């Protein structure tokens, strides 16, 4: 039976969070705090990001703003404009990274697109996400692409209505319990959870049962055995 497969992008199709982690490591080294460990600095940054993601959303540019705010809060030296610009630069370099597809992604999408209806559904800054999609070369595999500010029940419902999807024949595939799995299950979609070892900590939460079915796979290429 032909089914609708909604696929996440960052850390499902290609590496993403590892570049943010590297930027954070550069930030910690530059901050050089006399008392706080990297883990403690991360807690402060997480608190800033929790607030700002509802205001500014996601992406490298917004991450840079969060790093700058964190630096202004924690710096133990006079804050110079050049220092703030350098902090922003740690995040801007994320945009310069090549799109590194995860193992088996390209072959699996080509196989699935011949049998099923594929949609790409991602969140973040629209220009940044569209740039990554173009660089990935995966765009032609999908009959519809949507970039939203937040992936929640409301945004999933909007996608379902816009594309005329039947809940029972639709699966959301992704690595994030918070953005990919739980809201999809809550709406009544089915979901495929493919964990990524470097998923952003703010995207991790307990998976909650819902009306839809849940499938857990270890690798993206495993999709070919189920669909």
C-alpha atoms as a PDB file:
ATOM      1  CA  UNK A   1       0.000   0.000   0.000  1.00  0.00           C
ATOM      2  CA  UNK A   2       1.336   3.432  -0.951  1.00  0.00           C
ATOM      3  CA  UNK A   3       1.855   5.519   2.191  1.00  0.00           C
ATOM      4  CA  UNK A   4       2.741   9.101   3.070  1.00  0.00           C
ATOM      5  CA  UNK A   5       6.211   9.367   4.622  1.00  0.00           C
ATOM      6  CA  UNK A   6       7.022  12.709   6.278  1.00  0.00           C
ATOM      7  CA  UNK A   7      10.764  12.981   6.842  1.00  0.00           C
ATOM      8  CA  UNK A   8      12.702  15.258   9.189  1.00  0.00           C
ATOM      9  CA  UNK A   9      15.915  16.851   7.899  1.00  0.00           C
ATOM     10  CA  UNK A  10      18.520  17.832  10.541  1.00  0.00           C
ATOM     11  CA  UNK A  11      20.157  14.807  12.201  1.00  0.00           C
ATOM     12  CA  UNK A  12      17.792  12.507  10.314  1.00  0.00           C
ATOM     13  CA  UNK A  13      19.015  13.051   6.738  1.00  0.00           C
ATOM     14  CA  UNK A  14      22.269  14.881   7.466  1.00  0.00           C
ATOM     15  CA  UNK A  15      24.544  15.856  10.330  1.00  0.00           C
ATOM     16  CA  UNK A  16      23.576  19.077  12.059  1.00  0.00           C
ATOM     17  CA  UNK A  17      24.002  19.239  15.812  1.00  0.00           C
ATOM     18  CA  UNK A  18      27.677  18.258  15.713  1.00  0.00           C
ATOM     19  CA  UNK A  19      28.459  21.636  14.123  1.00  0.00           C
ATOM     20  CA  UNK A  20      26.611  23.479  16.891  1.00  0.00           C
ATOM     21  CA  UNK A  21      28.537  21.447  19.459  1.00  0.00           C
ATOM     22  CA  UNK A  22      31.830  22.427  17.859  1.00  0.00           C
ATOM     23  CA  UNK A  23      30.804  26.076  17.895  1.00  0.00           C
ATOM     24  CA  UNK A  24      29.969  25.743  21.579  1.00  0.00           C
ATOM     25  CA  UNK A  25      33.382  24.218  22.288  1.00  0.00           C
ATOM     26  CA  UNK A  26      35.046  27.189  20.590  1.00  0.00           C
ATOM     27  CA  UNK A  27      32.861  29.520  22.635  1.00  0.00           C
ATOM     28  CA  UNK A  28      33.808  27.855  25.927  1.00  0.00           C
ATOM     29  CA  UNK A  29      37.499  28.075  25.075  1.00  0.00           C
ATOM     30  CA  UNK A  30      37.185  31.762  24.214  1.00  0.00           C
ATOM     31  CA  UNK A  31      35.075  32.520  27.309  1.00  0.00           C
ATOM     32  CA  UNK A  32      37.730  30.841  29.478  1.00  0.00           C
ATOM     33  CA  UNK A  33      35.630  31.101  32.625  1.00  0.00           C
ATOM     34  CA  UNK A  34      37.617  30.783  35.856  1.00  0.00           C
ATOM     35  CA  UNK A  35      34.954  28.863  37.785  1.00  0.00           C
ATOM     36  CA  UNK A  36      32.332  27.356  35.499  1.00  0.00           C
ATOM     37  CA  UNK A  37      32.936  24.038  33.763  1.00  0.00           C
ATOM     38  CA  UNK A  38      31.815  23.551  30.135  1.00  0.00           C
ATOM     39  CA  UNK A  39      28.794  21.630  31.417  1.00  0.00           C
ATOM     40  CA  UNK A  40      27.843  24.531  33.699  1.00  0.00           C
ATOM     41  CA  UNK A  41      28.234  27.032  30.860  1.00  0.00           C
ATOM     42  CA  UNK A  42      26.002  24.762  28.769  1.00  0.00           C
ATOM     43  CA  UNK A  43      23.291  24.948  31.441  1.00  0.00           C
ATOM     44  CA  UNK A  44      23.322  28.749  31.223  1.00  0.00           C
ATOM     45  CA  UNK A  45      23.171  28.646  27.424  1.00  0.00           C
ATOM     46  CA  UNK A  46      20.316  26.116  27.518  1.00  0.00           C
ATOM     47  CA  UNK A  47      18.290  28.461  29.722  1.00  0.00           C
ATOM     48  CA  UNK A  48      18.840  31.282  27.244  1.00  0.00           C
ATOM     49  CA  UNK A  49      17.882  29.065  24.311  1.00  0.00           C
ATOM     50  CA  UNK A  50      14.734  27.832  26.033  1.00  0.00           C
ATOM     51  CA  UNK A  51      13.489  31.408  26.239  1.00  0.00           C
ATOM     52  CA  UNK A  52      14.722  32.645  22.879  1.00  0.00           C
ATOM     53  CA  UNK A  53      13.520  29.770  20.741  1.00  0.00           C
ATOM     54  CA  UNK A  54       9.954  30.953  21.294  1.00  0.00           C
ATOM     55  CA  UNK A  55      10.964  34.452  20.172  1.00  0.00           C
ATOM     56  CA  UNK A  56      13.561  34.008  17.446  1.00  0.00           C
ATOM     57  CA  UNK A  57      13.291  30.337  16.505  1.00  0.00           C
ATOM     58  CA  UNK A  58      16.258  28.195  15.491  1.00  0.00           C
ATOM     59  CA  UNK A  59      19.228  28.186  13.139  1.00  0.00           C
ATOM     60  CA  UNK A  60      22.848  29.292  13.170  1.00  0.00           C
ATOM     61  CA  UNK A  61      22.156  33.035  13.231  1.00  0.00           C
ATOM     62  CA  UNK A  62      19.847  32.698  16.210  1.00  0.00           C
ATOM     63  CA  UNK A  63      22.326  30.394  17.911  1.00  0.00           C
ATOM     64  CA  UNK A  64      24.901  33.140  17.468  1.00  0.00           C
ATOM     65  CA  UNK A  65      22.599  35.600  19.231  1.00  0.00           C
ATOM     66  CA  UNK A  66      22.229  33.139  22.089  1.00  0.00           C
ATOM     67  CA  UNK A  67      25.992  32.731  22.363  1.00  0.00           C
ATOM     68  CA  UNK A  68      26.415  36.500  22.417  1.00  0.00           C
ATOM     69  CA  UNK A  69      23.830  36.846  25.191  1.00  0.00           C
ATOM     70  CA  UNK A  70      25.536  34.065  27.130  1.00  0.00           C
ATOM     71  CA  UNK A  71      28.903  35.795  26.728  1.00  0.00           C
ATOM     72  CA  UNK A  72      27.497  39.107  27.943  1.00  0.00           C
ATOM     73  CA  UNK A  73      26.138  37.306  30.988  1.00  0.00           C
ATOM     74  CA  UNK A  74      29.236  35.276  31.891  1.00  0.00           C
ATOM     75  CA  UNK A  75      32.293  37.187  30.623  1.00  0.00           C
ATOM     76  CA  UNK A  76      34.821  38.009  33.316  1.00  0.00           C
ATOM     77  CA  UNK A  77      36.445  40.799  31.310  1.00  0.00           C
ATOM     78  CA  UNK A  78      35.307  44.028  29.733  1.00  0.00           C
ATOM     79  CA  UNK A  79      32.994  43.283  26.837  1.00  0.00           C
ATOM     80  CA  UNK A  80      34.330  44.633  23.555  1.00  0.00           C
ATOM     81  CA  UNK A  81      32.404  44.755  20.306  1.00  0.00           C
ATOM     82  CA  UNK A  82      35.177  42.758  18.645  1.00  0.00           C
ATOM     83  CA  UNK A  83      34.667  39.993  21.211  1.00  0.00           C
ATOM     84  CA  UNK A  84      30.924  39.880  20.529  1.00  0.00           C
ATOM     85  CA  UNK A  85      31.593  39.704  16.802  1.00  0.00           C
ATOM     86  CA  UNK A  86      34.002  36.821  17.328  1.00  0.00           C
ATOM     87  CA  UNK A  87      31.380  34.962  19.364  1.00  0.00           C
ATOM     88  CA  UNK A  88      28.861  35.440  16.567  1.00  0.00           C
ATOM     89  CA  UNK A  89      31.474  34.126  14.151  1.00  0.00           C
ATOM     90  CA  UNK A  90      31.557  30.763  15.911  1.00  0.00           C
ATOM     91  CA  UNK A  91      27.923  30.281  14.907  1.00  0.00           C
ATOM     92  CA  UNK A  92      28.211  31.761  11.417  1.00  0.00           C
ATOM     93  CA  UNK A  93      30.825  29.161  10.509  1.00  0.00           C
ATOM     94  CA  UNK A  94      28.121  26.520  10.916  1.00  0.00           C
ATOM     95  CA  UNK A  95      26.586  27.806   7.680  1.00  0.00           C
ATOM     96  CA  UNK A  96      29.862  27.168   5.863  1.00  0.00           C
ATOM     97  CA  UNK A  97      29.924  23.462   6.690  1.00  0.00           C
ATOM     98  CA  UNK A  98      29.220  20.985   3.882  1.00  0.00           C
ATOM     99  CA  UNK A  99      26.017  18.967   4.076  1.00  0.00           C
ATOM    100  CA  UNK A 100      27.118  15.528   5.281  1.00  0.00           C
ATOM    101  CA  UNK A 101      24.445  12.961   4.519  1.00  0.00           C
ATOM    102  CA  UNK A 102      23.989  10.212   7.078  1.00  0.00           C
ATOM    103  CA  UNK A 103      24.783   6.648   5.952  1.00  0.00           C
ATOM    104  CA  UNK A 104      22.292   5.105   3.547  1.00  0.00           C
ATOM    105  CA  UNK A 105      20.108   8.196   3.255  1.00  0.00           C
ATOM    106  CA  UNK A 106      20.401   8.903  -0.465  1.00  0.00           C
ATOM    107  CA  UNK A 107      19.890   5.289  -1.574  1.00  0.00           C
ATOM    108  CA  UNK A 108      17.016   4.788   0.836  1.00  0.00           C
ATOM    109  CA  UNK A 109      15.162   7.915  -0.272  1.00  0.00           C
ATOM    110  CA  UNK A 110      15.500   6.959  -3.920  1.00  0.00           C
ATOM    111  CA  UNK A 111      14.077   3.537  -3.131  1.00  0.00           C
ATOM    112  CA  UNK A 112      11.209   4.866  -0.998  1.00  0.00           C
ATOM    113  CA  UNK A 113      10.248   7.653  -3.391  1.00  0.00           C
ATOM    114  CA  UNK A 114       9.452   5.060  -6.053  1.00  0.00           C
ATOM    115  CA  UNK A 115       6.963   3.313  -3.770  1.00  0.00           C
ATOM    116  CA  UNK A 116       5.593   6.004  -1.475  1.00  0.00           C
ATOM    117  CA  UNK A 117       4.674   9.681  -1.205  1.00  0.00           C
ATOM    118  CA  UNK A 118       7.576  11.548   0.456  1.00  0.00           C
ATOM    119  CA  UNK A 119       7.342  14.940   2.192  1.00  0.00           C
ATOM    120  CA  UNK A 120      10.163  16.863   3.846  1.00  0.00           C
ATOM    121  CA  UNK A 121       9.151  18.620   7.062  1.00  0.00           C
ATOM    122  CA  UNK A 122      11.739  20.608   8.999  1.00  0.00           C
ATOM    123  CA  UNK A 123      11.961  23.546  11.367  1.00  0.00           C
ATOM    124  CA  UNK A 124      14.445  26.400  11.558  1.00  0.00           C
ATOM    125  CA  UNK A 125      15.336  29.539   9.650  1.00  0.00           C
ATOM    126  CA  UNK A 126      13.745  29.179   6.175  1.00  0.00           C
ATOM    127  CA  UNK A 127      16.759  30.473   4.233  1.00  0.00           C
ATOM    128  CA  UNK A 128      19.195  28.279   6.162  1.00  0.00           C
ATOM    129  CA  UNK A 129      17.082  25.159   5.763  1.00  0.00           C
ATOM    130  CA  UNK A 130      16.462  25.744   2.058  1.00  0.00           C
ATOM    131  CA  UNK A 131      20.215  26.215   1.554  1.00  0.00           C
ATOM    132  CA  UNK A 132      20.915  22.852   3.200  1.00  0.00           C
ATOM    133  CA  UNK A 133      18.210  21.147   1.157  1.00  0.00           C
ATOM    134  CA  UNK A 134      19.716  22.541  -2.056  1.00  0.00           C
ATOM    135  CA  UNK A 135      23.237  21.496  -1.050  1.00  0.00           C
ATOM    136  CA  UNK A 136      22.071  18.015  -0.106  1.00  0.00           C
ATOM    137  CA  UNK A 137      20.717  17.278  -3.575  1.00  0.00           C
ATOM    138  CA  UNK A 138      17.788  15.426  -1.979  1.00  0.00           C
ATOM    139  CA  UNK A 139      15.048  17.873  -2.932  1.00  0.00           C
ATOM    140  CA  UNK A 140      13.785  15.917  -5.972  1.00  0.00           C
ATOM    141  CA  UNK A 141      12.966  12.938  -3.720  1.00  0.00           C
ATOM    142  CA  UNK A 142      10.148  14.902  -2.077  1.00  0.00           C
ATOM    143  CA  UNK A 143       6.870  16.001  -3.634  1.00  0.00           C
ATOM    144  CA  UNK A 144       6.398  18.671  -0.933  1.00  0.00           C
ATOM    145  CA  UNK A 145       8.788  20.561   1.367  1.00  0.00           C
ATOM    146  CA  UNK A 146       7.777  22.638   4.390  1.00  0.00           C
ATOM    147  CA  UNK A 147       9.926  24.706   6.755  1.00  0.00           C
ATOM    148  CA  UNK A 148       8.169  25.841   9.925  1.00  0.00           C
ATOM    149  CA  UNK A 149       9.175  27.842  12.990  1.00  0.00           C
ATOM    150  CA  UNK A 150       8.158  25.050  15.370  1.00  0.00           C
ATOM    151  CA  UNK A 151       7.112  21.435  14.880  1.00  0.00           C
ATOM    152  CA  UNK A 152       4.142  20.875  17.172  1.00  0.00           C
ATOM    153  CA  UNK A 153       0.668  19.376  16.908  1.00  0.00           C
ATOM    154  CA  UNK A 154      -0.678  22.496  15.227  1.00  0.00           C
ATOM    155  CA  UNK A 155       2.002  22.523  12.521  1.00  0.00           C
ATOM    156  CA  UNK A 156       1.524  18.818  11.843  1.00  0.00           C
ATOM    157  CA  UNK A 157      -2.223  19.338  11.570  1.00  0.00           C
ATOM    158  CA  UNK A 158      -1.610  22.157   9.098  1.00  0.00           C
ATOM    159  CA  UNK A 159       0.635  19.929   6.968  1.00  0.00           C
ATOM    160  CA  UNK A 160      -1.921  17.113   7.004  1.00  0.00           C
ATOM    161  CA  UNK A 161      -4.698  19.458   5.900  1.00  0.00           C
ATOM    162  CA  UNK A 162      -2.607  21.236   3.269  1.00  0.00           C
ATOM    163  CA  UNK A 163      -1.426  18.011   1.634  1.00  0.00           C
ATOM    164  CA  UNK A 164      -4.602  15.986   2.140  1.00  0.00           C
ATOM    165  CA  UNK A 165      -2.914  13.228   4.135  1.00  0.00           C
ATOM    166  CA  UNK A 166      -4.768  10.292   5.649  1.00  0.00           C
ATOM    167  CA  UNK A 167      -3.605   9.835   9.250  1.00  0.00           C
ATOM    168  CA  UNK A 168      -3.657   6.044   9.243  1.00  0.00           C
ATOM    169  CA  UNK A 169      -1.430   5.902   6.126  1.00  0.00           C
ATOM    170  CA  UNK A 170       1.008   8.619   7.209  1.00  0.00           C
ATOM    171  CA  UNK A 171       4.304   8.208   9.084  1.00  0.00           C
ATOM    172  CA  UNK A 172       6.593  10.848  10.577  1.00  0.00           C
ATOM    173  CA  UNK A 173      10.261   9.822  10.454  1.00  0.00           C
ATOM    174  CA  UNK A 174      12.803  11.591  12.634  1.00  0.00           C
ATOM    175  CA  UNK A 175      15.334  11.625  15.458  1.00  0.00           C
ATOM    176  CA  UNK A 176      13.758  14.098  17.870  1.00  0.00           C
ATOM    177  CA  UNK A 177      11.211  12.864  20.422  1.00  0.00           C
ATOM    178  CA  UNK A 178      10.133  16.451  21.116  1.00  0.00           C
ATOM    179  CA  UNK A 179       9.657  17.675  17.546  1.00  0.00           C
ATOM    180  CA  UNK A 180       9.253  14.562  15.395  1.00  0.00           C
ATOM    181  CA  UNK A 181       7.722  11.771  17.432  1.00  0.00           C
ATOM    182  CA  UNK A 182       5.510  13.030  20.259  1.00  0.00           C
ATOM    183  CA  UNK A 183       3.476  15.673  18.373  1.00  0.00           C
ATOM    184  CA  UNK A 184       2.965  13.288  15.450  1.00  0.00           C
ATOM    185  CA  UNK A 185       1.724  10.501  17.719  1.00  0.00           C
ATOM    186  CA  UNK A 186      -0.490  12.921  19.625  1.00  0.00           C
ATOM    187  CA  UNK A 187      -2.176  14.008  16.411  1.00  0.00           C
ATOM    188  CA  UNK A 188      -2.793  10.410  15.387  1.00  0.00           C
ATOM    189  CA  UNK A 189       0.009   9.963  12.863  1.00  0.00           C
ATOM    190  CA  UNK A 190       2.294   6.960  12.936  1.00  0.00           C
ATOM    191  CA  UNK A 191       5.963   7.605  13.711  1.00  0.00           C
ATOM    192  CA  UNK A 192       9.371   6.097  13.062  1.00  0.00           C
ATOM    193  CA  UNK A 193      11.964   7.024  15.666  1.00  0.00           C
ATOM    194  CA  UNK A 194      15.582   6.798  14.452  1.00  0.00           C
ATOM    195  CA  UNK A 195      17.802   7.918  17.358  1.00  0.00           C
ATOM    196  CA  UNK A 196      20.885  10.007  16.650  1.00  0.00           C
ATOM    197  CA  UNK A 197      23.670   9.850  19.279  1.00  0.00           C
ATOM    198  CA  UNK A 198      24.220  13.630  19.111  1.00  0.00           C
ATOM    199  CA  UNK A 199      20.629  14.867  19.194  1.00  0.00           C
ATOM    200  CA  UNK A 200      20.379  18.306  20.802  1.00  0.00           C
ATOM    201  CA  UNK A 201      19.599  17.936  24.511  1.00  0.00           C
ATOM    202  CA  UNK A 202      16.612  20.293  24.263  1.00  0.00           C
ATOM    203  CA  UNK A 203      15.032  17.943  21.698  1.00  0.00           C
ATOM    204  CA  UNK A 204      15.140  14.894  23.960  1.00  0.00           C
ATOM    205  CA  UNK A 205      12.200  13.840  26.095  1.00  0.00           C
ATOM    206  CA  UNK A 206      10.282  10.718  27.001  1.00  0.00           C
ATOM    207  CA  UNK A 207       8.265   9.330  24.103  1.00  0.00           C
ATOM    208  CA  UNK A 208       4.567   9.466  24.946  1.00  0.00           C
ATOM    209  CA  UNK A 209       2.130   6.880  23.554  1.00  0.00           C
ATOM    210  CA  UNK A 210      -0.550   8.187  21.211  1.00  0.00           C
ATOM    211  CA  UNK A 211      -3.224   6.923  18.829  1.00  0.00           C
ATOM    212  CA  UNK A 212      -0.642   6.269  16.110  1.00  0.00           C
ATOM    213  CA  UNK A 213       1.771   3.374  15.800  1.00  0.00           C
ATOM    214  CA  UNK A 214       5.445   3.692  16.780  1.00  0.00           C
ATOM    215  CA  UNK A 215       8.364   1.994  15.065  1.00  0.00           C
ATOM    216  CA  UNK A 216      11.931   2.305  16.395  1.00  0.00           C
ATOM    217  CA  UNK A 217      14.826   1.730  13.978  1.00  0.00           C
ATOM    218  CA  UNK A 218      18.559   2.080  14.404  1.00  0.00           C
ATOM    219  CA  UNK A 219      19.522   3.213  10.898  1.00  0.00           C
ATOM    220  CA  UNK A 220      17.804   5.185   8.170  1.00  0.00           C
ATOM    221  CA  UNK A 221      18.464   2.411   5.675  1.00  0.00           C
ATOM    222  CA  UNK A 222      16.302   0.081   7.808  1.00  0.00           C
ATOM    223  CA  UNK A 223      13.283   1.902   6.396  1.00  0.00           C
ATOM    224  CA  UNK A 224      13.606  -0.119   3.202  1.00  0.00           C
ATOM    225  CA  UNK A 225      12.719  -3.303   5.106  1.00  0.00           C
ATOM    226  CA  UNK A 226       9.517  -1.807   6.499  1.00  0.00           C
ATOM    227  CA  UNK A 227       8.250   0.395   3.666  1.00  0.00           C
END
